[in-house]
Structure formats: C-alpha cells, structure tokens
Amino acid sequence: MLASLRFHYGRWRGIRAASTGLSLPSATERELLRRYIEACEKADIGAFESILREDAVCRMPPQPEVSVGREAILKLFTDAGFGTEAFGQLRCVITRANRQPAVAVYVLQAGDSTYRPVALDILQIEDAFVTEIVTFGPEVFPTFALPLTMDSEGGRDTLATQRL
C-alpha cells in the first residue's frame, strides 16, 4: 500500500515521495492547517473557500478524475454530502505525509460513539493557500501510525500535537 501511495503522489509531483519527512511546519502552514481543520470540523464550506487558491487541484488516487479550481473542489465536497447530517461529524488529526502537511480525517456517524477513518488529505501549501489536496482512503492510516478509531467522548487524540 505504501508503495502505491508513493507512486501515485510522486508521479504527480515529479519528485521521489517519502513518508519519512518530519520537518516542522512553518507558522504559515500551522495557521492554514488550523483553518483547514476548523473548516472540516465545523463543516464550513465558506471557510474552505477562503483557504483554497483559485486554481487549486484535488486528486483522489487511484481514481483518474481531477478537480481543478476552487469551485470544482467545493462542488466535489458538497456533492459528496459534506456538511449534511447524513455525512456525519468530522474530527481531524494533523500529520505529515510525503514531506507535506497532511490531515487525517475521521467521521462520526449518527448513532455511533466512535470516530472512524475516512481520508488522509495531503496538502500542498503556497503563499498561505492550499493549492493541492491529494486524498487517500482510510487503508493508508496504519502506514502512518494513525489510530483506526477515536472515542467520541474523549478529548482530541494526542497524536495531533505529537505530529505537528
């Protein structure tokens, strides 16, 4: 699975991708990550709009489709049900993947008491905007030592601060 993740992301970036880069994020990255997580957890599509660059790109390997532009990405999110009760409530954990800041996204479905992994969003950040989101499914969580569940009653997982 890790080889596939490296192949897909490295192919698009034109670089050798590696999951071992643990450099600390800059102040700009930390602020943008805070805003990204807030947008996810509050299901605030307007907040996403404010952090995505106009020409941002979103990919979801191994799917061949690519969403190009802020409006296309926001449409992708809303078409998937983001912000609806049926979609569920999100909780995020900051990590790094392929030497990029990343956000592990968990979902709590109605009637459940456990957050479950839904996506790992690897972010490209330039000039205080998200310029690219590469989203992988929950099958990559073990590769990044991310928890497979999080209790809805407990506080934020300590991994969030350990990886920042």
Protein backbone atom coordinates (compact mmCIF):
# COMPACT_ATOMS: atom_id res chain seq x y z
CA MET A 1 0.00 0.00 0.00
CA LEU A 2 2.80 2.44 0.88
CA ALA A 3 4.47 1.75 -2.45
CA SER A 4 1.22 2.65 -4.22
CA LEU A 5 0.88 5.86 -2.18
CA ARG A 6 4.46 6.84 -3.03
CA PHE A 7 3.98 6.01 -6.69
CA HIS A 8 0.77 7.97 -7.17
CA TYR A 9 1.82 11.06 -5.26
CA GLY A 10 5.39 11.05 -6.55
CA ARG A 11 4.21 10.68 -10.15
CA TRP A 12 2.11 13.87 -9.97
CA ARG A 13 4.67 15.90 -8.08
CA GLY A 14 7.58 14.78 -10.24
CA ILE A 15 9.62 14.02 -7.12
CA ARG A 16 10.59 10.99 -5.11
CA ALA A 17 7.86 10.88 -2.47
CA ALA A 18 8.73 9.73 1.03
CA SER A 19 6.70 9.39 4.17
CA THR A 20 9.68 9.95 6.44
CA GLY A 21 9.95 13.75 6.17
CA LEU A 22 9.12 15.05 9.64
CA SER A 23 10.22 18.66 9.24
CA LEU A 24 8.25 21.07 11.37
CA PRO A 25 5.60 23.11 9.59
CA SER A 26 6.15 26.83 9.21
CA ALA A 27 3.96 29.34 11.04
CA THR A 28 2.02 29.88 7.80
CA GLU A 29 1.44 26.13 7.42
CA ARG A 30 0.35 25.79 11.06
CA GLU A 31 -2.19 28.60 10.66
CA LEU A 32 -3.53 27.16 7.41
CA LEU A 33 -3.75 23.69 8.97
CA ARG A 34 -5.68 25.18 11.91
CA ARG A 35 -8.10 26.83 9.49
CA TYR A 36 -8.39 23.63 7.39
CA ILE A 37 -9.25 21.58 10.47
CA GLU A 38 -11.72 24.19 11.68
CA ALA A 39 -13.43 24.16 8.26
CA CYS A 40 -13.63 20.35 8.36
CA GLU A 41 -14.85 20.03 11.92
CA LYS A 42 -17.42 22.83 11.61
CA ALA A 43 -18.49 21.65 8.12
CA ASP A 44 -17.96 25.21 6.90
CA ILE A 45 -17.78 25.29 3.10
CA GLY A 46 -17.25 29.06 3.17
CA ALA A 47 -14.14 28.58 5.30
CA PHE A 48 -12.83 26.10 2.73
CA GLU A 49 -13.46 28.65 0.02
CA SER A 50 -11.27 31.17 1.85
CA ILE A 51 -8.25 28.85 2.10
CA LEU A 52 -8.29 27.25 -1.36
CA ARG A 53 -6.39 29.07 -4.06
CA GLU A 54 -8.50 29.83 -7.15
CA ASP A 55 -6.54 27.30 -9.26
CA ALA A 56 -6.29 24.58 -6.57
CA VAL A 57 -6.32 20.94 -7.61
CA CYS A 58 -7.87 17.93 -5.85
CA ARG A 59 -6.99 14.30 -6.66
CA MET A 60 -8.12 11.03 -5.12
CA PRO A 61 -5.81 8.22 -6.26
CA PRO A 62 -6.35 5.72 -7.69
CA GLN A 63 -9.35 7.46 -9.26
CA PRO A 64 -8.35 9.16 -12.52
CA GLU A 65 -10.61 12.20 -12.03
CA VAL A 66 -9.04 15.51 -11.06
CA SER A 67 -10.99 18.51 -9.79
CA VAL A 68 -9.35 21.71 -10.98
CA GLY A 69 -10.26 25.07 -9.48
CA ARG A 70 -11.77 26.20 -6.19
CA GLU A 71 -15.36 25.97 -7.42
CA ALA A 72 -14.88 22.42 -8.76
CA ILE A 73 -13.40 21.29 -5.44
CA LEU A 74 -16.19 22.87 -3.41
CA LYS A 75 -18.74 21.20 -5.71
CA LEU A 76 -16.99 17.86 -5.17
CA PHE A 77 -17.25 18.35 -1.40
CA THR A 78 -20.92 19.35 -1.43
CA ASP A 79 -21.87 16.62 -3.92
CA ALA A 80 -20.29 14.11 -1.52
CA GLY A 81 -22.60 15.41 1.23
CA PHE A 82 -20.07 17.47 3.19
CA GLY A 83 -21.89 19.49 5.84
CA THR A 84 -25.01 17.33 5.89
CA GLU A 85 -26.23 15.33 8.86
CA ALA A 86 -26.03 12.16 6.75
CA PHE A 87 -22.32 12.79 6.09
CA GLY A 88 -21.51 12.81 9.79
CA GLN A 89 -19.36 14.90 12.11
CA LEU A 90 -15.64 15.16 11.37
CA ARG A 91 -12.59 15.20 13.64
CA CYS A 92 -9.08 15.78 12.32
CA VAL A 93 -5.53 14.89 13.29
CA ILE A 94 -2.50 16.71 11.86
CA THR A 95 0.33 14.59 10.49
CA ARG A 96 2.87 14.65 7.66
CA ALA A 97 2.99 12.53 4.54
CA ASN A 98 5.39 12.63 1.63
CA ARG A 99 7.15 15.59 3.30
CA GLN A 100 3.94 17.59 3.15
CA PRO A 101 1.50 18.68 5.84
CA ALA A 102 -1.43 16.28 5.99
CA VAL A 103 -4.74 15.94 7.80
CA ALA A 104 -6.19 12.60 8.85
CA VAL A 105 -9.97 12.92 8.78
CA TYR A 106 -12.29 10.81 10.92
CA VAL A 107 -16.08 10.68 10.78
CA LEU A 108 -18.67 10.06 13.48
CA GLN A 109 -21.89 8.74 12.00
CA ALA A 110 -25.26 9.32 13.67
CA GLY A 111 -25.85 6.72 16.38
CA ASP A 112 -22.17 5.73 16.58
CA SER A 113 -19.88 6.52 19.52
CA THR A 114 -16.61 6.09 17.65
CA TYR A 115 -14.91 8.23 15.02
CA ARG A 116 -13.68 6.10 12.11
CA PRO A 117 -11.06 6.98 9.48
CA VAL A 118 -12.36 8.38 6.22
CA ALA A 119 -9.47 10.12 4.44
CA LEU A 120 -5.89 11.30 4.59
CA ASP A 121 -5.60 14.70 2.90
CA ILE A 122 -2.06 15.60 1.84
CA LEU A 123 -1.84 19.34 1.34
CA GLN A 124 0.35 21.48 -0.87
CA ILE A 125 0.56 24.96 0.62
CA GLU A 126 1.82 28.01 -1.25
CA ASP A 127 1.52 31.67 -0.33
CA ALA A 128 -0.84 30.93 2.58
CA PHE A 129 -3.31 28.98 0.40
CA VAL A 130 -3.99 25.30 -0.18
CA THR A 131 -3.01 24.72 -3.80
CA GLU A 132 -3.44 20.95 -3.93
CA ILE A 133 -5.24 18.25 -1.97
CA VAL A 134 -4.33 14.62 -2.61
CA THR A 135 -6.79 12.42 -0.74
CA PHE A 136 -6.16 8.78 0.10
CA GLY A 137 -8.61 6.39 1.72
CA PRO A 138 -8.51 5.01 5.26
CA GLU A 139 -6.47 1.98 4.17
CA VAL A 140 -3.30 4.13 4.45
CA PHE A 141 -3.84 5.05 8.14
CA PRO A 142 -1.80 2.12 9.54
CA THR A 143 1.14 3.11 7.32
CA PHE A 144 1.24 6.48 9.07
CA ALA A 145 0.67 5.04 12.57
CA LEU A 146 -2.69 6.82 12.74
CA PRO A 147 -5.32 5.45 15.11
CA LEU A 148 -8.09 3.43 13.45
CA THR A 149 -10.72 4.73 15.86
CA MET A 150 -11.17 7.66 18.21
CA ASP A 151 -13.65 7.80 21.06
CA SER A 152 -16.29 10.50 20.65
CA GLU A 153 -16.39 11.13 24.41
CA GLY A 154 -12.65 11.60 24.85
CA GLY A 155 -10.59 14.65 24.08
CA ARG A 156 -8.63 15.23 20.91
CA ASP A 157 -6.16 12.43 20.20
CA THR A 158 -2.67 13.31 21.44
CA LEU A 159 -1.24 12.33 18.05
CA ALA A 160 -2.39 15.70 16.71
CA THR A 161 0.15 17.61 18.76
CA GLN A 162 2.84 14.93 18.52
CA ARG A 163 2.88 15.13 14.73
CA LEU A 164 2.68 18.92 14.46
